Amino acid sequence: MLQINDTIISMDLIETQFICDLNKCKGQCCVDGDSGAPLEKDENDKINEILPVIWDELSPKAQALISKQGISYEDYDGELVTSIINGKECVFTYFDEQGVCKCVIDNAYREGRISVPKPISCHLYPIRLQKYREFTAVNYHKWSVCNPAVKLGQKEGVELYKFLKEPLIRKFGEKWYKDVYEAAKLVEIEKE
């Protein structure tokens, strides 16, 4: 474990090699799971604000569910999460021509039609955050769905924290990321 500021970081972020391989997994992390994607309160509010812009891109089932229960609900842990259709895919998903599950919010954001990025929990995946009173745990969520990502990461030699540089900086800032990078270099030196 590494400690940087008020975060405790699993060594898996430094030691695991990982690059999402959407051609193999088809975005299964947006479809399978126990509940929807964790949302921060401000994310929930911002997504509700941009909902009219992306409404027509949502599936009819997603529109019906959102009309009934909203874009989110509290899961069994009392955590705010995105609504999911029939216990499966997130309401913000769509499937491209190759059957890859993608995010309507992310698509609209990357096209510049909205200023709200996809939820940070989605952007960081397979990193999961667990907030405690004194610190935030930054852990790697190992899941068989991501086995192709581990293989691709090993083939390309890219560590998880490098692959997820953009969302890690989005969440924790440039200085924090630089500190992780420097700590990872020290860990590599110690291994030699």
N, C-alpha and C. Protein backbone atom coordinates (compact mmCIF):
# COMPACT_ATOMS: atom_id res chain seq x y z
N MET A 1 0.84 -1.19 0.00
CA MET A 1 0.00 0.00 0.00
C MET A 1 0.88 1.25 0.00
N LEU A 2 0.38 2.26 -0.67
CA LEU A 2 1.02 3.57 -0.67
C LEU A 2 0.06 4.56 -0.04
N GLN A 3 0.61 5.53 0.68
CA GLN A 3 -0.22 6.61 1.18
C GLN A 3 0.24 7.91 0.55
N ILE A 4 -0.70 8.58 -0.09
CA ILE A 4 -0.44 9.91 -0.65
C ILE A 4 -1.59 10.79 -0.19
N ASN A 5 -1.23 11.81 0.57
CA ASN A 5 -2.21 12.70 1.19
C ASN A 5 -3.22 11.87 1.96
N ASP A 6 -4.50 12.01 1.66
CA ASP A 6 -5.52 11.27 2.40
C ASP A 6 -6.02 10.06 1.60
N THR A 7 -5.16 9.50 0.75
CA THR A 7 -5.52 8.30 0.00
C THR A 7 -4.58 7.15 0.36
N ILE A 8 -5.14 5.97 0.43
CA ILE A 8 -4.37 4.74 0.59
C ILE A 8 -4.54 3.97 -0.72
N ILE A 9 -3.44 3.74 -1.40
CA ILE A 9 -3.47 3.21 -2.76
C ILE A 9 -2.97 1.77 -2.77
N SER A 10 -3.76 0.90 -3.34
CA SER A 10 -3.37 -0.50 -3.50
C SER A 10 -2.18 -0.59 -4.45
N MET A 11 -1.23 -1.47 -4.13
CA MET A 11 -0.08 -1.69 -5.00
C MET A 11 -0.51 -2.26 -6.35
N ASP A 12 -1.72 -2.82 -6.42
CA ASP A 12 -2.23 -3.34 -7.69
C ASP A 12 -2.24 -2.28 -8.78
N LEU A 13 -2.44 -1.02 -8.41
CA LEU A 13 -2.48 0.05 -9.41
C LEU A 13 -1.14 0.20 -10.11
N ILE A 14 -0.07 -0.12 -9.39
CA ILE A 14 1.28 0.00 -9.92
C ILE A 14 1.75 -1.31 -10.54
N GLU A 15 1.35 -2.41 -9.96
CA GLU A 15 1.86 -3.72 -10.37
C GLU A 15 1.05 -4.39 -11.48
N THR A 16 -0.24 -4.05 -11.60
CA THR A 16 -1.09 -4.67 -12.61
C THR A 16 -0.98 -3.92 -13.93
N GLN A 17 -0.81 -4.66 -14.99
CA GLN A 17 -0.79 -4.05 -16.32
C GLN A 17 -2.19 -4.21 -16.91
N PHE A 18 -2.67 -3.15 -17.57
CA PHE A 18 -4.08 -3.10 -17.92
C PHE A 18 -4.33 -2.09 -19.03
N ILE A 19 -5.04 -2.49 -20.07
CA ILE A 19 -5.58 -1.59 -21.09
C ILE A 19 -6.93 -2.15 -21.51
N CYS A 20 -7.99 -1.38 -21.34
CA CYS A 20 -9.32 -1.87 -21.74
C CYS A 20 -9.28 -2.38 -23.17
N ASP A 21 -9.90 -3.52 -23.38
CA ASP A 21 -9.96 -4.13 -24.71
C ASP A 21 -11.43 -4.31 -25.07
N LEU A 22 -12.07 -3.21 -25.48
CA LEU A 22 -13.50 -3.20 -25.76
C LEU A 22 -13.91 -4.19 -26.84
N ASN A 23 -13.00 -4.50 -27.75
CA ASN A 23 -13.32 -5.48 -28.79
C ASN A 23 -13.55 -6.87 -28.20
N LYS A 24 -12.93 -7.13 -27.05
CA LYS A 24 -13.08 -8.44 -26.41
C LYS A 24 -14.18 -8.45 -25.35
N CYS A 25 -14.20 -7.44 -24.47
CA CYS A 25 -15.15 -7.44 -23.35
C CYS A 25 -16.51 -6.85 -23.74
N LYS A 26 -16.54 -6.05 -24.81
CA LYS A 26 -17.77 -5.43 -25.30
C LYS A 26 -18.42 -4.46 -24.30
N GLY A 27 -17.62 -3.94 -23.35
CA GLY A 27 -18.16 -2.99 -22.38
C GLY A 27 -19.05 -3.64 -21.34
N GLN A 28 -18.76 -4.88 -21.03
CA GLN A 28 -19.59 -5.66 -20.11
C GLN A 28 -19.72 -5.02 -18.72
N CYS A 29 -18.73 -4.21 -18.32
CA CYS A 29 -18.78 -3.58 -17.00
C CYS A 29 -19.96 -2.60 -16.88
N CYS A 30 -20.51 -2.16 -18.01
CA CYS A 30 -21.67 -1.26 -18.00
C CYS A 30 -23.00 -2.02 -18.00
N VAL A 31 -22.89 -3.35 -18.11
CA VAL A 31 -24.09 -4.18 -18.21
C VAL A 31 -24.25 -5.09 -16.99
N ASP A 32 -23.18 -5.71 -16.57
CA ASP A 32 -23.24 -6.65 -15.44
C ASP A 32 -22.82 -5.97 -14.15
N GLY A 33 -23.28 -6.50 -13.05
CA GLY A 33 -22.91 -5.99 -11.74
C GLY A 33 -24.08 -6.06 -10.79
N ASP A 34 -23.81 -5.73 -9.54
CA ASP A 34 -24.84 -5.80 -8.50
C ASP A 34 -25.78 -4.61 -8.52
N SER A 35 -25.28 -3.48 -8.97
CA SER A 35 -26.11 -2.27 -9.01
C SER A 35 -25.52 -1.32 -10.05
N GLY A 36 -26.09 -0.13 -10.15
CA GLY A 36 -25.61 0.85 -11.11
C GLY A 36 -24.27 1.43 -10.72
N ALA A 37 -23.78 2.33 -11.53
CA ALA A 37 -22.50 2.99 -11.28
C ALA A 37 -22.65 4.00 -10.14
N PRO A 38 -21.72 3.99 -9.18
CA PRO A 38 -21.78 4.98 -8.09
C PRO A 38 -21.74 6.41 -8.63
N LEU A 39 -22.56 7.25 -8.03
CA LEU A 39 -22.65 8.66 -8.40
C LEU A 39 -22.37 9.54 -7.20
N GLU A 40 -21.65 10.61 -7.42
CA GLU A 40 -21.51 11.63 -6.39
C GLU A 40 -22.72 12.55 -6.52
N LYS A 41 -23.11 13.18 -5.44
CA LYS A 41 -24.32 14.02 -5.43
C LYS A 41 -24.29 15.08 -6.53
N ASP A 42 -23.15 15.75 -6.67
CA ASP A 42 -23.08 16.81 -7.70
C ASP A 42 -23.17 16.22 -9.11
N GLU A 43 -22.67 14.99 -9.30
CA GLU A 43 -22.80 14.35 -10.61
C GLU A 43 -24.27 14.08 -10.92
N ASN A 44 -24.98 13.60 -9.94
CA ASN A 44 -26.40 13.32 -10.10
C ASN A 44 -27.14 14.58 -10.54
N ASP A 45 -26.85 15.69 -9.86
CA ASP A 45 -27.50 16.96 -10.20
C ASP A 45 -27.15 17.42 -11.61
N LYS A 46 -25.87 17.31 -11.98
CA LYS A 46 -25.43 17.76 -13.31
C LYS A 46 -26.01 16.89 -14.42
N ILE A 47 -26.09 15.59 -14.17
CA ILE A 47 -26.68 14.70 -15.19
C ILE A 47 -28.15 15.01 -15.37
N ASN A 48 -28.85 15.29 -14.27
CA ASN A 48 -30.25 15.67 -14.40
C ASN A 48 -30.41 16.94 -15.23
N GLU A 49 -29.46 17.86 -15.09
CA GLU A 49 -29.52 19.12 -15.86
C GLU A 49 -29.35 18.88 -17.36
N ILE A 50 -28.47 17.95 -17.74
CA ILE A 50 -28.21 17.73 -19.17
C ILE A 50 -29.11 16.64 -19.77
N LEU A 51 -29.95 16.06 -18.97
CA LEU A 51 -30.81 14.97 -19.43
C LEU A 51 -31.62 15.33 -20.69
N PRO A 52 -32.18 16.54 -20.78
CA PRO A 52 -32.93 16.86 -22.01
C PRO A 52 -32.08 16.80 -23.28
N VAL A 53 -30.78 17.07 -23.17
CA VAL A 53 -29.90 17.07 -24.34
C VAL A 53 -29.68 15.64 -24.86
N ILE A 54 -29.60 14.67 -23.95
CA ILE A 54 -29.30 13.29 -24.35
C ILE A 54 -30.54 12.39 -24.37
N TRP A 55 -31.68 12.93 -24.00
CA TRP A 55 -32.90 12.13 -23.85
C TRP A 55 -33.20 11.25 -25.07
N ASP A 56 -33.16 11.82 -26.25
CA ASP A 56 -33.52 11.07 -27.46
C ASP A 56 -32.52 9.97 -27.81
N GLU A 57 -31.35 10.01 -27.20
CA GLU A 57 -30.34 8.98 -27.44
C GLU A 57 -30.49 7.77 -26.51
N LEU A 58 -31.33 7.91 -25.51
CA LEU A 58 -31.56 6.82 -24.56
C LEU A 58 -32.54 5.83 -25.16
N SER A 59 -32.40 4.57 -24.75
CA SER A 59 -33.32 3.55 -25.25
C SER A 59 -34.72 3.80 -24.68
N PRO A 60 -35.76 3.30 -25.35
CA PRO A 60 -37.12 3.45 -24.82
C PRO A 60 -37.25 2.88 -23.40
N LYS A 61 -36.57 1.75 -23.14
CA LYS A 61 -36.62 1.16 -21.78
C LYS A 61 -35.98 2.09 -20.76
N ALA A 62 -34.87 2.73 -21.15
CA ALA A 62 -34.19 3.67 -20.25
C ALA A 62 -35.08 4.88 -20.00
N GLN A 63 -35.70 5.40 -21.03
CA GLN A 63 -36.59 6.55 -20.87
C GLN A 63 -37.75 6.22 -19.94
N ALA A 64 -38.33 5.03 -20.11
CA ALA A 64 -39.46 4.63 -19.25
C ALA A 64 -39.02 4.51 -17.80
N LEU A 65 -37.85 3.90 -17.57
CA LEU A 65 -37.36 3.72 -16.20
C LEU A 65 -37.02 5.06 -15.56
N ILE A 66 -36.35 5.93 -16.31
CA ILE A 66 -36.01 7.25 -15.77
C ILE A 66 -37.28 8.04 -15.46
N SER A 67 -38.29 7.94 -16.32
CA SER A 67 -39.56 8.64 -16.07
C SER A 67 -40.22 8.13 -14.79
N LYS A 68 -40.01 6.86 -14.49
CA LYS A 68 -40.64 6.25 -13.31
C LYS A 68 -39.83 6.49 -12.03
N GLN A 69 -38.50 6.26 -12.07
CA GLN A 69 -37.72 6.32 -10.83
C GLN A 69 -36.59 7.34 -10.83
N GLY A 70 -36.33 7.97 -11.98
CA GLY A 70 -35.24 8.93 -12.05
C GLY A 70 -33.97 8.29 -12.56
N ILE A 71 -32.90 9.09 -12.65
CA ILE A 71 -31.64 8.60 -13.20
C ILE A 71 -30.85 7.77 -12.21
N SER A 72 -31.25 7.81 -10.92
CA SER A 72 -30.47 7.12 -9.90
C SER A 72 -31.37 6.60 -8.78
N TYR A 73 -30.77 5.77 -7.96
CA TYR A 73 -31.45 5.24 -6.77
C TYR A 73 -30.40 4.90 -5.73
N GLU A 74 -30.82 4.64 -4.52
CA GLU A 74 -29.89 4.19 -3.48
C GLU A 74 -29.84 2.69 -3.50
N ASP A 75 -28.61 2.14 -3.61
CA ASP A 75 -28.47 0.69 -3.65
C ASP A 75 -28.52 0.11 -2.23
N TYR A 76 -28.26 -1.19 -2.12
CA TYR A 76 -28.35 -1.88 -0.82
C TYR A 76 -27.35 -1.37 0.20
N ASP A 77 -26.30 -0.66 -0.24
CA ASP A 77 -25.32 -0.08 0.68
C ASP A 77 -25.68 1.37 1.03
N GLY A 78 -26.80 1.85 0.49
CA GLY A 78 -27.19 3.23 0.73
C GLY A 78 -26.42 4.21 -0.14
N GLU A 79 -25.78 3.69 -1.20
CA GLU A 79 -24.99 4.52 -2.10
C GLU A 79 -25.85 4.93 -3.30
N LEU A 80 -25.69 6.17 -3.73
CA LEU A 80 -26.39 6.66 -4.90
C LEU A 80 -25.74 6.07 -6.15
N VAL A 81 -26.54 5.41 -7.00
CA VAL A 81 -26.03 4.74 -8.20
C VAL A 81 -26.96 5.02 -9.38
N THR A 82 -26.44 4.86 -10.59
CA THR A 82 -27.28 5.05 -11.77
C THR A 82 -28.36 3.98 -11.83
N SER A 83 -29.50 4.35 -12.33
CA SER A 83 -30.58 3.38 -12.53
C SER A 83 -30.14 2.35 -13.56
N ILE A 84 -30.62 1.11 -13.38
CA ILE A 84 -30.28 0.04 -14.31
C ILE A 84 -31.56 -0.64 -14.80
N ILE A 85 -31.50 -1.08 -16.03
CA ILE A 85 -32.66 -1.69 -16.69
C ILE A 85 -32.70 -3.18 -16.39
N ASN A 86 -33.79 -3.64 -15.79
CA ASN A 86 -33.99 -5.06 -15.48
C ASN A 86 -32.80 -5.69 -14.76
N GLY A 87 -32.19 -4.93 -13.84
CA GLY A 87 -31.05 -5.45 -13.09
C GLY A 87 -29.81 -5.65 -13.92
N LYS A 88 -29.75 -5.01 -15.08
CA LYS A 88 -28.61 -5.21 -16.00
C LYS A 88 -27.96 -3.87 -16.35
N GLU A 89 -28.12 -3.44 -17.62
CA GLU A 89 -27.35 -2.30 -18.10
C GLU A 89 -27.81 -0.97 -17.52
N CYS A 90 -26.83 -0.09 -17.40
CA CYS A 90 -27.05 1.28 -16.96
C CYS A 90 -27.99 1.97 -17.95
N VAL A 91 -28.83 2.87 -17.47
CA VAL A 91 -29.77 3.57 -18.34
C VAL A 91 -29.08 4.46 -19.37
N PHE A 92 -27.82 4.75 -19.18
CA PHE A 92 -27.10 5.63 -20.10
C PHE A 92 -26.30 4.87 -21.16
N THR A 93 -26.53 3.58 -21.28
CA THR A 93 -25.79 2.78 -22.25
C THR A 93 -26.48 2.76 -23.60
N TYR A 94 -25.67 2.50 -24.62
CA TYR A 94 -26.17 2.18 -25.95
C TYR A 94 -25.16 1.19 -26.55
N PHE A 95 -25.57 0.49 -27.58
CA PHE A 95 -24.70 -0.50 -28.21
C PHE A 95 -24.39 -0.06 -29.64
N ASP A 96 -23.09 -0.05 -29.97
CA ASP A 96 -22.70 0.35 -31.33
C ASP A 96 -22.89 -0.80 -32.31
N GLU A 97 -22.49 -0.57 -33.55
CA GLU A 97 -22.70 -1.56 -34.62
C GLU A 97 -21.99 -2.88 -34.35
N GLN A 98 -20.91 -2.85 -33.58
CA GLN A 98 -20.16 -4.07 -33.25
C GLN A 98 -20.65 -4.72 -31.96
N GLY A 99 -21.73 -4.19 -31.39
CA GLY A 99 -22.27 -4.75 -30.16
C GLY A 99 -21.52 -4.34 -28.91
N VAL A 100 -20.70 -3.29 -29.02
CA VAL A 100 -19.96 -2.79 -27.86
C VAL A 100 -20.84 -1.81 -27.09
N CYS A 101 -20.93 -2.03 -25.80
CA CYS A 101 -21.72 -1.16 -24.93
C CYS A 101 -20.93 0.12 -24.66
N LYS A 102 -21.57 1.25 -24.90
CA LYS A 102 -20.94 2.55 -24.69
C LYS A 102 -21.87 3.46 -23.91
N CYS A 103 -21.37 4.64 -23.57
CA CYS A 103 -22.10 5.58 -22.71
C CYS A 103 -22.59 6.79 -23.50
N VAL A 104 -23.88 7.06 -23.41
CA VAL A 104 -24.48 8.21 -24.06
C VAL A 104 -23.88 9.51 -23.52
N ILE A 105 -23.66 9.58 -22.20
CA ILE A 105 -23.10 10.79 -21.60
C ILE A 105 -21.69 11.02 -22.14
N ASP A 106 -20.87 9.98 -22.14
CA ASP A 106 -19.49 10.11 -22.61
C ASP A 106 -19.46 10.51 -24.08
N ASN A 107 -20.32 9.92 -24.88
CA ASN A 107 -20.38 10.23 -26.30
C ASN A 107 -20.72 11.71 -26.51
N ALA A 108 -21.75 12.20 -25.83
CA ALA A 108 -22.17 13.60 -25.98
C ALA A 108 -21.08 14.55 -25.47
N TYR A 109 -20.39 14.16 -24.39
CA TYR A 109 -19.31 14.98 -23.84
C TYR A 109 -18.15 15.09 -24.82
N ARG A 110 -17.74 13.95 -25.38
CA ARG A 110 -16.61 13.94 -26.32
C ARG A 110 -16.95 14.67 -27.62
N GLU A 111 -18.23 14.72 -27.98
CA GLU A 111 -18.65 15.47 -29.16
C GLU A 111 -18.83 16.95 -28.86
N GLY A 112 -18.69 17.36 -27.58
CA GLY A 112 -18.80 18.75 -27.20
C GLY A 112 -20.22 19.27 -27.07
N ARG A 113 -21.19 18.35 -27.00
CA ARG A 113 -22.59 18.77 -26.90
C ARG A 113 -23.01 19.05 -25.46
N ILE A 114 -22.28 18.51 -24.50
CA ILE A 114 -22.54 18.76 -23.08
C ILE A 114 -21.19 19.01 -22.40
N SER A 115 -21.23 19.64 -21.24
CA SER A 115 -20.00 19.91 -20.50
C SER A 115 -19.83 18.97 -19.31
N VAL A 116 -20.71 18.00 -19.20
CA VAL A 116 -20.69 17.06 -18.08
C VAL A 116 -20.08 15.74 -18.53
N PRO A 117 -18.94 15.34 -17.93
CA PRO A 117 -18.37 14.05 -18.30
C PRO A 117 -19.12 12.90 -17.63
N LYS A 118 -18.84 11.68 -18.09
CA LYS A 118 -19.47 10.52 -17.46
C LYS A 118 -19.06 10.47 -15.99
N PRO A 119 -19.82 9.76 -15.15
CA PRO A 119 -19.49 9.69 -13.72
C PRO A 119 -18.04 9.24 -13.50
N ILE A 120 -17.42 9.82 -12.49
CA ILE A 120 -16.02 9.51 -12.21
C ILE A 120 -15.85 8.02 -11.90
N SER A 121 -16.84 7.38 -11.30
CA SER A 121 -16.71 5.95 -11.00
C SER A 121 -16.59 5.13 -12.28
N CYS A 122 -17.26 5.57 -13.34
CA CYS A 122 -17.16 4.89 -14.64
C CYS A 122 -15.81 5.18 -15.29
N HIS A 123 -15.40 6.43 -15.22
CA HIS A 123 -14.15 6.85 -15.84
C HIS A 123 -12.95 6.15 -15.18
N LEU A 124 -13.03 5.92 -13.88
CA LEU A 124 -11.94 5.28 -13.14
C LEU A 124 -11.93 3.75 -13.24
N TYR A 125 -13.03 3.15 -13.63
CA TYR A 125 -13.11 1.69 -13.58
C TYR A 125 -11.99 1.04 -14.38
N PRO A 126 -11.30 0.02 -13.85
CA PRO A 126 -11.63 -0.86 -12.73
C PRO A 126 -11.11 -0.40 -11.37
N ILE A 127 -10.74 0.85 -11.25
CA ILE A 127 -10.40 1.36 -9.92
C ILE A 127 -11.70 1.70 -9.22
N ARG A 128 -11.80 1.30 -7.98
CA ARG A 128 -12.94 1.63 -7.13
C ARG A 128 -12.45 2.40 -5.92
N LEU A 129 -13.20 3.39 -5.51
CA LEU A 129 -12.87 4.20 -4.35
C LEU A 129 -13.78 3.83 -3.20
N GLN A 130 -13.20 3.76 -2.02
CA GLN A 130 -13.99 3.51 -0.80
C GLN A 130 -13.62 4.60 0.19
N LYS A 131 -14.60 5.42 0.54
CA LYS A 131 -14.34 6.52 1.46
C LYS A 131 -14.52 6.07 2.90
N TYR A 132 -13.52 6.41 3.70
CA TYR A 132 -13.56 6.17 5.14
C TYR A 132 -13.44 7.52 5.83
N ARG A 133 -13.55 7.55 7.13
CA ARG A 133 -13.51 8.82 7.87
C ARG A 133 -12.18 9.55 7.64
N GLU A 134 -11.07 8.84 7.72
CA GLU A 134 -9.75 9.45 7.66
C GLU A 134 -9.08 9.42 6.28
N PHE A 135 -9.56 8.57 5.39
CA PHE A 135 -8.89 8.43 4.10
C PHE A 135 -9.83 7.83 3.06
N THR A 136 -9.36 7.84 1.82
CA THR A 136 -10.06 7.18 0.72
C THR A 136 -9.17 6.05 0.22
N ALA A 137 -9.72 4.84 0.17
CA ALA A 137 -8.99 3.69 -0.36
C ALA A 137 -9.15 3.69 -1.88
N VAL A 138 -8.04 3.49 -2.58
CA VAL A 138 -8.02 3.46 -4.04
C VAL A 138 -7.59 2.04 -4.42
N ASN A 139 -8.56 1.24 -4.86
CA ASN A 139 -8.33 -0.19 -5.10
C ASN A 139 -8.65 -0.60 -6.52
N TYR A 140 -8.02 -1.69 -6.93
CA TYR A 140 -8.27 -2.31 -8.22
C TYR A 140 -9.33 -3.39 -8.04
N HIS A 141 -10.43 -3.27 -8.78
CA HIS A 141 -11.50 -4.26 -8.72
C HIS A 141 -11.22 -5.34 -9.77
N LYS A 142 -10.78 -6.49 -9.30
CA LYS A 142 -10.47 -7.60 -10.21
C LYS A 142 -11.76 -8.30 -10.59
N TRP A 143 -11.93 -8.48 -11.90
CA TRP A 143 -13.15 -9.10 -12.41
C TRP A 143 -12.79 -9.86 -13.68
N SER A 144 -13.30 -11.05 -13.83
CA SER A 144 -12.96 -11.88 -14.99
C SER A 144 -13.31 -11.21 -16.31
N VAL A 145 -14.31 -10.34 -16.32
CA VAL A 145 -14.68 -9.61 -17.53
C VAL A 145 -13.49 -8.83 -18.08
N CYS A 146 -12.60 -8.41 -17.18
CA CYS A 146 -11.46 -7.59 -17.57
C CYS A 146 -10.20 -8.41 -17.88
N ASN A 147 -10.28 -9.72 -17.91
CA ASN A 147 -9.10 -10.53 -18.25
C ASN A 147 -8.46 -10.12 -19.57
N PRO A 148 -9.26 -9.83 -20.63
CA PRO A 148 -8.62 -9.38 -21.88
C PRO A 148 -7.84 -8.07 -21.69
N ALA A 149 -8.30 -7.20 -20.80
CA ALA A 149 -7.62 -5.93 -20.54
C ALA A 149 -6.26 -6.17 -19.88
N VAL A 150 -6.21 -7.16 -18.99
CA VAL A 150 -4.95 -7.50 -18.34
C VAL A 150 -3.97 -8.06 -19.37
N LYS A 151 -4.47 -8.93 -20.24
CA LYS A 151 -3.60 -9.51 -21.29
C LYS A 151 -3.07 -8.42 -22.21
N LEU A 152 -3.93 -7.49 -22.62
CA LEU A 152 -3.50 -6.42 -23.50
C LEU A 152 -2.50 -5.50 -22.78
N GLY A 153 -2.77 -5.21 -21.52
CA GLY A 153 -1.85 -4.39 -20.73
C GLY A 153 -0.48 -5.04 -20.60
N GLN A 154 -0.47 -6.35 -20.40
CA GLN A 154 0.81 -7.08 -20.31
C GLN A 154 1.54 -7.05 -21.65
N LYS A 155 0.80 -7.23 -22.72
CA LYS A 155 1.39 -7.21 -24.06
C LYS A 155 2.03 -5.85 -24.35
N GLU A 156 1.34 -4.77 -23.97
CA GLU A 156 1.81 -3.41 -24.25
C GLU A 156 2.69 -2.84 -23.14
N GLY A 157 2.73 -3.50 -21.97
CA GLY A 157 3.55 -3.03 -20.86
C GLY A 157 3.06 -1.75 -20.23
N VAL A 158 1.73 -1.62 -20.07
CA VAL A 158 1.14 -0.40 -19.51
C VAL A 158 0.49 -0.72 -18.16
N GLU A 159 0.96 -0.04 -17.12
CA GLU A 159 0.40 -0.25 -15.79
C GLU A 159 -0.96 0.45 -15.67
N LEU A 160 -1.77 -0.07 -14.77
CA LEU A 160 -3.13 0.44 -14.56
C LEU A 160 -3.15 1.94 -14.27
N TYR A 161 -2.26 2.41 -13.40
CA TYR A 161 -2.28 3.84 -13.06
C TYR A 161 -1.91 4.70 -14.27
N LYS A 162 -1.12 4.17 -15.20
CA LYS A 162 -0.79 4.92 -16.41
C LYS A 162 -1.97 4.91 -17.38
N PHE A 163 -2.62 3.76 -17.52
CA PHE A 163 -3.77 3.66 -18.40
C PHE A 163 -4.88 4.61 -17.95
N LEU A 164 -5.04 4.75 -16.64
CA LEU A 164 -6.12 5.59 -16.09
C LEU A 164 -5.62 6.97 -15.63
N LYS A 165 -4.58 7.46 -16.27
CA LYS A 165 -4.00 8.76 -15.90
C LYS A 165 -5.05 9.87 -15.95
N GLU A 166 -5.80 9.97 -17.04
CA GLU A 166 -6.78 11.05 -17.20
C GLU A 166 -7.82 11.07 -16.08
N PRO A 167 -8.51 9.94 -15.79
CA PRO A 167 -9.49 10.00 -14.71
C PRO A 167 -8.87 10.16 -13.32
N LEU A 168 -7.65 9.62 -13.12
CA LEU A 168 -7.00 9.80 -11.81
C LEU A 168 -6.68 11.27 -11.58
N ILE A 169 -6.22 11.96 -12.62
CA ILE A 169 -5.97 13.40 -12.49
C ILE A 169 -7.29 14.14 -12.32
N ARG A 170 -8.31 13.73 -13.04
CA ARG A 170 -9.63 14.36 -12.90
C ARG A 170 -10.11 14.27 -11.45
N LYS A 171 -9.89 13.14 -10.81
CA LYS A 171 -10.38 12.93 -9.44
C LYS A 171 -9.47 13.55 -8.39
N PHE A 172 -8.16 13.33 -8.52
CA PHE A 172 -7.23 13.68 -7.44
C PHE A 172 -6.28 14.83 -7.75
N GLY A 173 -6.15 15.22 -9.02
CA GLY A 173 -5.28 16.33 -9.38
C GLY A 173 -3.92 15.89 -9.90
N GLU A 174 -3.27 16.83 -10.60
CA GLU A 174 -1.96 16.60 -11.22
C GLU A 174 -0.89 16.25 -10.19
N LYS A 175 -0.85 17.00 -9.09
CA LYS A 175 0.19 16.78 -8.06
C LYS A 175 0.08 15.37 -7.49
N TRP A 176 -1.13 14.95 -7.17
CA TRP A 176 -1.35 13.61 -6.63
C TRP A 176 -0.85 12.57 -7.62
N TYR A 177 -1.20 12.73 -8.90
CA TYR A 177 -0.79 11.76 -9.91
C TYR A 177 0.74 11.72 -10.03
N LYS A 178 1.36 12.88 -10.00
CA LYS A 178 2.83 12.93 -10.09
C LYS A 178 3.44 12.19 -8.91
N ASP A 179 2.85 12.35 -7.72
CA ASP A 179 3.35 11.63 -6.54
C ASP A 179 3.22 10.11 -6.71
N VAL A 180 2.12 9.66 -7.29
CA VAL A 180 1.93 8.23 -7.55
C VAL A 180 2.98 7.76 -8.55
N TYR A 181 3.19 8.54 -9.59
CA TYR A 181 4.17 8.19 -10.61
C TYR A 181 5.57 8.05 -10.00
N GLU A 182 5.95 9.01 -9.15
CA GLU A 182 7.27 8.97 -8.50
C GLU A 182 7.37 7.77 -7.55
N ALA A 183 6.31 7.49 -6.82
CA ALA A 183 6.31 6.34 -5.92
C ALA A 183 6.45 5.04 -6.71
N ALA A 184 5.79 4.96 -7.85
CA ALA A 184 5.88 3.77 -8.69
C ALA A 184 7.31 3.56 -9.20
N LYS A 185 7.98 4.65 -9.55
CA LYS A 185 9.38 4.54 -9.99
C LYS A 185 10.25 4.00 -8.86
N LEU A 186 10.01 4.45 -7.63
CA LEU A 186 10.78 3.97 -6.47
C LEU A 186 10.52 2.48 -6.24
N VAL A 187 9.27 2.07 -6.39
CA VAL A 187 8.92 0.66 -6.22
C VAL A 187 9.67 -0.18 -7.26
N GLU A 188 9.75 0.29 -8.50
CA GLU A 188 10.48 -0.42 -9.57
C GLU A 188 11.96 -0.54 -9.23
N ILE A 189 12.54 0.53 -8.72
CA ILE A 189 13.97 0.52 -8.34
C ILE A 189 14.21 -0.51 -7.24
N GLU A 190 13.30 -0.56 -6.25
CA GLU A 190 13.45 -1.51 -5.14
C GLU A 190 13.36 -2.95 -5.62
N LYS A 191 12.59 -3.20 -6.68
CA LYS A 191 12.43 -4.56 -7.20
C LYS A 191 13.69 -5.04 -7.92
N GLU A 192 14.48 -4.11 -8.45
CA GLU A 192 15.65 -4.48 -9.25
C GLU A 192 16.78 -5.03 -8.40
